[in-house]
N, C-alpha and C. Protein backbone atom coordinates (compact mmCIF):
# COMPACT_ATOMS: atom_id res chain seq x y z
N MET A 1 48.87 119.03 49.17
CA MET A 1 49.43 120.10 49.83
C MET A 1 49.57 121.29 48.87
N PRO A 2 48.96 122.34 48.72
CA PRO A 2 48.92 123.39 47.80
C PRO A 2 50.06 124.06 47.75
N GLY A 3 50.91 124.10 48.79
CA GLY A 3 52.25 125.00 48.75
C GLY A 3 53.28 124.15 48.04
N ARG A 4 53.15 122.78 47.71
CA ARG A 4 54.14 121.98 47.19
C ARG A 4 53.74 122.01 45.65
N GLU A 5 52.62 122.37 45.20
CA GLU A 5 52.25 122.47 43.72
C GLU A 5 52.51 123.57 43.01
N VAL A 6 52.88 123.19 41.71
CA VAL A 6 53.20 124.27 40.90
C VAL A 6 52.30 124.41 39.66
N GLY A 7 52.04 125.49 38.85
CA GLY A 7 51.37 125.33 37.51
C GLY A 7 49.96 125.87 37.69
N PRO A 8 49.27 126.05 36.64
CA PRO A 8 47.92 126.67 36.67
C PRO A 8 47.00 125.67 37.35
N ARG A 9 46.05 126.63 37.97
CA ARG A 9 45.09 125.99 38.90
C ARG A 9 43.53 126.25 38.31
N THR A 10 42.70 125.21 38.89
CA THR A 10 41.45 125.26 38.64
C THR A 10 40.73 126.38 39.35
N PRO A 11 39.44 126.82 38.97
CA PRO A 11 39.03 128.13 39.52
C PRO A 11 38.64 127.57 40.95
N PRO A 12 38.54 128.71 42.08
CA PRO A 12 38.13 128.43 43.25
C PRO A 12 36.50 127.76 43.26
N PRO A 13 36.05 127.01 44.07
CA PRO A 13 36.83 126.78 45.59
C PRO A 13 37.90 125.48 45.59
N ASP A 14 37.65 124.75 44.33
CA ASP A 14 38.73 123.71 44.23
C ASP A 14 40.18 123.81 44.25
N ASN A 15 40.53 124.98 43.16
CA ASN A 15 42.01 125.40 43.17
C ASN A 15 43.01 124.43 43.39
N PHE A 16 42.71 123.29 42.50
CA PHE A 16 43.61 122.22 42.27
C PHE A 16 44.82 122.77 41.14
N ALA A 17 46.23 122.20 41.22
CA ALA A 17 46.96 122.41 40.50
C ALA A 17 46.71 121.43 39.23
N MET A 18 46.81 122.04 37.92
CA MET A 18 46.28 121.17 36.66
C MET A 18 47.44 120.80 35.85
N GLY A 19 48.80 121.26 36.37
CA GLY A 19 49.94 121.16 35.52
C GLY A 19 49.98 122.22 34.42
N GLY A 20 50.77 122.11 33.49
CA GLY A 20 50.86 123.27 32.38
C GLY A 20 51.41 122.76 31.22
N ARG A 21 51.32 123.32 29.91
CA ARG A 21 51.84 123.13 28.84
C ARG A 21 53.42 123.05 28.96
N TYR A 22 54.00 123.84 29.60
CA TYR A 22 55.50 123.88 29.70
C TYR A 22 56.05 123.75 30.99
N VAL A 23 57.27 123.11 31.03
CA VAL A 23 57.86 123.03 32.21
C VAL A 23 59.26 123.52 32.08
N MET A 24 59.61 124.35 33.22
CA MET A 24 60.97 124.83 33.03
C MET A 24 61.63 124.78 34.55
N THR A 25 63.04 124.16 34.66
CA THR A 25 63.30 123.81 35.92
C THR A 25 64.92 124.05 35.85
N GLY A 26 65.44 124.48 36.89
CA GLY A 26 66.97 124.38 37.14
C GLY A 26 67.35 124.28 38.47
N SER A 27 68.76 123.84 38.61
CA SER A 27 69.25 123.72 39.89
C SER A 27 70.80 124.08 40.01
N VAL A 28 71.25 124.44 41.11
CA VAL A 28 72.85 124.64 41.29
C VAL A 28 73.07 124.03 42.50
N GLU A 29 74.06 123.24 42.52
CA GLU A 29 74.44 122.71 43.89
C GLU A 29 75.89 122.56 43.84
N TYR A 30 76.41 123.02 45.14
CA TYR A 30 77.81 122.80 45.46
C TYR A 30 78.05 121.63 46.33
N GLU A 31 79.06 120.75 46.09
CA GLU A 31 79.36 119.61 47.03
C GLU A 31 80.88 119.52 47.16
N HIS A 32 81.05 119.18 48.57
CA HIS A 32 82.38 119.20 48.82
C HIS A 32 82.59 117.85 49.78
N TYR A 33 83.69 117.22 49.41
CA TYR A 33 83.99 116.07 50.43
C TYR A 33 85.34 116.48 51.23
N PHE A 34 85.29 116.05 52.41
CA PHE A 34 86.43 116.36 53.44
C PHE A 34 87.73 115.44 53.24
N ASN A 35 88.62 116.15 52.92
CA ASN A 35 90.03 115.52 52.89
C ASN A 35 89.94 114.08 51.94
N ALA A 36 89.29 114.43 50.96
CA ALA A 36 89.07 113.08 49.77
C ALA A 36 88.34 111.94 50.51
N GLY A 37 87.88 112.08 51.59
CA GLY A 37 87.29 110.78 52.36
C GLY A 37 85.74 110.62 51.70
N PRO A 38 85.07 109.85 52.56
CA PRO A 38 83.75 109.43 52.15
C PRO A 38 82.41 110.48 52.66
N TRP A 39 83.12 111.45 53.56
CA TRP A 39 82.11 112.02 54.04
C TRP A 39 82.12 113.61 53.45
N GLY A 40 81.05 114.25 53.11
CA GLY A 40 80.66 115.48 52.37
C GLY A 40 79.44 116.07 52.73
N MET A 41 79.59 117.64 52.22
CA MET A 41 78.52 118.21 52.44
C MET A 41 77.95 118.98 51.01
N ALA A 42 76.66 119.47 50.97
CA ALA A 42 76.36 120.08 49.81
C ALA A 42 75.43 121.42 50.40
N GLY A 43 75.27 122.46 49.38
CA GLY A 43 74.35 123.51 49.38
C GLY A 43 73.85 123.56 48.12
N PHE A 44 72.35 123.81 47.97
CA PHE A 44 71.85 123.92 46.90
C PHE A 44 70.64 124.98 46.66
N VAL A 45 70.32 125.32 45.50
CA VAL A 45 69.11 126.21 45.02
C VAL A 45 68.55 125.47 43.93
N ASP A 46 67.07 125.29 44.01
CA ASP A 46 66.35 124.58 43.04
C ASP A 46 65.25 125.74 42.68
N ALA A 47 64.96 125.89 41.22
CA ALA A 47 63.71 126.81 41.00
C ALA A 47 62.90 125.99 39.86
N GLY A 48 61.61 126.30 39.52
CA GLY A 48 60.96 125.86 38.56
C GLY A 48 59.65 126.34 38.55
N ASP A 49 58.93 125.82 37.35
CA ASP A 49 57.31 126.00 37.29
C ASP A 49 57.00 125.27 36.26
N ALA A 50 55.53 124.95 36.26
CA ALA A 50 54.87 124.26 34.98
C ALA A 50 53.83 125.34 34.89
N PHE A 51 53.78 125.73 33.47
CA PHE A 51 52.94 126.84 33.18
C PHE A 51 52.43 126.88 31.73
N ASP A 52 51.35 127.56 31.35
CA ASP A 52 50.99 127.70 30.06
C ASP A 52 51.27 129.00 29.43
N ASP A 53 51.05 130.20 30.08
CA ASP A 53 51.49 131.52 29.64
C ASP A 53 52.54 132.39 30.35
N THR A 54 52.43 132.23 31.39
CA THR A 54 53.32 133.10 32.55
C THR A 54 54.17 132.25 33.28
N PHE A 55 55.53 132.36 33.31
CA PHE A 55 56.43 131.81 34.09
C PHE A 55 56.58 132.51 35.52
N ASP A 56 56.05 131.67 36.50
CA ASP A 56 56.29 132.11 37.92
C ASP A 56 57.08 131.05 38.52
N PRO A 57 58.44 131.30 38.60
CA PRO A 57 59.13 130.24 39.38
C PRO A 57 59.00 130.26 40.85
N HIS A 58 59.12 128.95 41.15
CA HIS A 58 59.18 128.54 42.77
C HIS A 58 60.47 128.16 43.16
N VAL A 59 61.13 128.86 44.17
CA VAL A 59 62.49 128.48 44.41
C VAL A 59 62.46 127.90 45.85
N GLY A 60 63.53 127.21 45.89
CA GLY A 60 63.97 126.30 47.26
C GLY A 60 65.39 126.41 47.36
N ILE A 61 65.65 126.28 48.67
CA ILE A 61 67.12 126.20 49.21
C ILE A 61 67.28 125.16 50.23
N GLY A 62 68.61 124.65 50.10
CA GLY A 62 68.79 123.50 51.11
C GLY A 62 70.24 123.40 51.22
N VAL A 63 70.42 122.39 52.16
CA VAL A 63 71.93 121.95 52.62
C VAL A 63 71.70 120.27 52.88
N GLY A 64 72.89 119.78 52.82
CA GLY A 64 72.85 118.27 52.85
C GLY A 64 74.10 117.50 53.19
N ALA A 65 73.93 116.42 53.61
CA ALA A 65 75.15 115.47 54.21
C ALA A 65 75.39 114.49 53.00
N ARG A 66 76.57 114.15 52.61
CA ARG A 66 76.91 113.19 51.52
C ARG A 66 77.80 112.19 52.32
N TRP A 67 77.53 110.71 51.86
CA TRP A 67 78.55 109.70 52.30
C TRP A 67 78.66 108.92 51.07
N ARG A 68 79.75 108.59 50.87
CA ARG A 68 80.20 107.68 49.85
C ARG A 68 80.29 106.24 50.46
N SER A 69 79.23 105.40 50.42
CA SER A 69 79.07 104.13 51.25
C SER A 69 79.62 103.31 50.12
N PRO A 70 80.03 101.97 50.69
CA PRO A 70 80.44 100.76 49.88
C PRO A 70 79.63 100.54 48.93
N ILE A 71 78.31 100.53 49.06
CA ILE A 71 77.43 100.40 47.86
C ILE A 71 76.51 101.28 47.32
N GLY A 72 77.19 102.53 47.60
CA GLY A 72 76.52 103.59 46.58
C GLY A 72 76.60 104.91 47.54
N GLY A 73 76.16 105.87 46.84
CA GLY A 73 75.99 107.18 47.71
C GLY A 73 74.84 107.26 48.47
N VAL A 74 74.80 108.04 49.69
CA VAL A 74 73.76 108.37 50.49
C VAL A 74 73.62 109.79 50.65
N ARG A 75 72.45 110.26 50.42
CA ARG A 75 72.38 111.90 50.48
C ARG A 75 71.25 112.03 51.70
N VAL A 76 71.32 112.93 52.37
CA VAL A 76 70.27 113.32 53.32
C VAL A 76 70.36 114.92 53.16
N ASP A 77 69.11 115.46 52.64
CA ASP A 77 69.03 116.88 52.39
C ASP A 77 67.79 117.58 53.19
N VAL A 78 68.06 118.74 53.70
CA VAL A 78 66.79 119.49 54.21
C VAL A 78 66.72 120.64 53.55
N ALA A 79 65.62 121.02 53.01
CA ALA A 79 65.33 122.13 52.06
C ALA A 79 64.05 122.86 52.68
N HIS A 80 63.91 124.21 52.11
CA HIS A 80 62.85 124.87 52.47
C HIS A 80 62.56 125.93 51.24
N GLY A 81 61.13 125.90 50.95
CA GLY A 81 60.62 126.81 49.77
C GLY A 81 60.84 128.37 50.17
N LEU A 82 61.13 129.03 49.21
CA LEU A 82 61.37 130.54 49.58
C LEU A 82 59.96 131.36 49.23
N ASN A 83 59.02 130.77 48.46
CA ASN A 83 57.98 131.36 47.83
C ASN A 83 56.86 131.74 48.97
N ASP A 84 56.63 130.83 49.98
CA ASP A 84 55.77 130.82 51.01
C ASP A 84 56.54 131.00 52.26
N PRO A 85 56.67 131.94 52.89
CA PRO A 85 57.52 132.07 54.29
C PRO A 85 56.99 131.20 55.43
N ASP A 86 55.81 130.64 55.24
CA ASP A 86 55.45 129.76 56.30
C ASP A 86 55.36 128.31 55.85
N SER A 87 56.25 128.00 54.93
CA SER A 87 56.48 126.60 54.23
C SER A 87 57.32 126.13 55.39
N SER A 88 56.88 124.55 55.58
CA SER A 88 57.90 123.86 56.34
C SER A 88 59.07 123.25 55.89
N PHE A 89 60.26 122.88 56.64
CA PHE A 89 61.40 122.30 56.02
C PHE A 89 60.91 120.96 55.60
N GLN A 90 61.59 120.53 54.52
CA GLN A 90 61.51 119.06 54.17
C GLN A 90 62.60 118.23 54.33
N ILE A 91 62.50 117.04 54.49
CA ILE A 91 63.89 116.28 54.57
C ILE A 91 63.76 115.12 53.56
N TYR A 92 64.82 114.95 52.83
CA TYR A 92 64.86 114.06 51.77
C TYR A 92 66.04 113.05 51.87
N LEU A 93 65.93 111.77 51.64
CA LEU A 93 66.60 110.90 51.60
C LEU A 93 67.03 110.15 50.31
N SER A 94 68.13 110.10 49.79
CA SER A 94 68.64 109.57 48.39
C SER A 94 69.51 108.59 48.62
N LEU A 95 69.38 107.39 47.93
CA LEU A 95 70.28 106.07 48.00
C LEU A 95 70.66 105.93 46.74
N GLY A 96 71.97 105.70 46.20
CA GLY A 96 72.31 105.09 44.94
C GLY A 96 72.83 106.32 44.04
N ALA A 97 72.98 105.90 42.91
CA ALA A 97 73.91 106.83 41.99
C ALA A 97 72.78 107.98 41.78
N ASN A 98 73.38 109.25 41.43
CA ASN A 98 72.40 110.44 40.90
C ASN A 98 72.24 110.30 39.56
N LEU A 99 70.82 110.47 39.09
CA LEU A 99 70.64 110.58 37.85
C LEU A 99 70.30 111.80 37.01
């Protein structure tokens, strides 16, 4: 999916992402648990790029639900890329500790 790839690309007609010499990423997240209980929510912004010469960040935003289960954290996030207005929403499920 070209909309989800970052970095320098091969010449047309292939136009594949090749990766880059450098990678720069950043993320900001706010997480809030209700009444110190097991349920919470989050909002986040992620940005980054793989590049050789010119840094062109790709940005995404999202919201999520959090549950502190007896066996570890459960996170369900819905995110959307901002660089392409036609990009679809993506759903992510994470289980266990955050690394």
